[in-house]
Amino acid sequence: MVSDTTDVFKEIRPYRDDEVAGAIQRLIHDDEFIGAIAKYRFSGLSRWGGAAIRSLIRLYLGWRWRKVNSIRQVQLEVATYMEKMIARTTSGVTYSGLENIKPGVGYLFISNHRDIALDPAFVNWGLHSHGLDTVRIAIGDNLLRKPCVTELMKLNKSFIVKRSAKGPREMMKAFSELSSYLRHSIDEGHSIWIAQKEGRAKDGDDKTDPAILKMFHMEGKRQKIPFGDYIRSLNLVPVSISYEYDPGDLAKARELHAKATHGGYEKSEFEDIQSIVQGIVGQKGRVHVTFGQPVHGDFDNADDLAAAIDREIHANYHLFPSNLLAAGQTAGVDPAAAEAFERHMTGIPADLRERVLSMYARPVLNKD
């Protein structure tokens, strides 16, 4: 464990065991956090007895979390909520490729990005269910606008990507620190989850941003290690996450439509938080996660590596009937699945249907 005097990553790292109890107490006494639980779990009752409901929630959480004093215990607590969410909002979650992942080894999982919170959550569920340690999660500081969200994320092994850094010097410092933290984590046997690009693939087109791969290498450049050699040392594993139904498909289509028709889209202040909630409570159908082979090729530059990661993610993307039907491929699709997809599409406003269809069809086109 890093001592406080040498805690060079304190600004961006997740909480440690000795910080868990304090963070939990801050959450329990956070009015906004308790109010959010009251709204989403007891919406009918909270209108009539709001203060009493919030007091009961505080008492319950204080009792429920009274013995939680380590990150491992937090992860077990999260697992109980994941199990309930999977039962309520999916038709099952399946995995492939986990045989490639060895216990005690730190991996850099780079995945396609469809949902802010669920993508790393489903990666973690697969690892946890197979007796492997969960990941440290890269999260943009744009999501940390509420203190309670910061507490929750840092308790759940999230580290901060400073997207708000301004100016070349500040950005260089932030990315250098991030690159060093990734190296530090992997060397200590802690795996990392990071999206292949900033922001979700709202149009369904999963593409790796070479700038992220260049960031990985910044620590390697500092150590004068060639790009290809350094990348191999990171145990980089491409991950493909596919949802039969994207709980955020309508919101994504609205954003794309606004950009196409009005030339831009202005997010509301807490829209990302609303997207996280919608992802958790929305129906997802079946979900499949594929862990690819660790990248071992010889790559001279970030562009070549990005292309290789894309090929792996596209090849391993599990196609559901929703993808095939959207791409006009009806052969062999179960009639019940076709009926379910038709019902889903009737809930999409007519002016957005083509965008949603394109979103679901894109993974099929990427495989060709």
Foldseek 3Di string as FASTA:
>chain_A
DDDPVPPPQVQWWFDFLQCLVVLLVVLLPDPVNLQVCCCPPVVPVCVPVVVVSSVVVSVVSCVVCVPRRGLVSVVVVVLVVVVVLCVQFEPEEAEADCVQDDALAAAEEEEAFQAQPVVLVSVQNVQVVVVHHGAQEEDECLQVPDPNVSSVNSSNNYTYQDPVQDDPVRNVVSLQSVLVVLVVCRVRSHYYYDYQDPDHPLLQQGFHDLVNLVSNCSVVVVVPHASQVSLLVNQYKYKAKDFLDQLCNQVSLVQVVCCVPVVHDDDDSNVSVVRNVSRSNHHGYYMYMYIGHGDNDGDRGSVVVRVVSLLRRLQPHDQDVLQCVLQVNPPPHDPVSVVVSVVVLVPHPPVRSNSSSSNSPNSVVSND
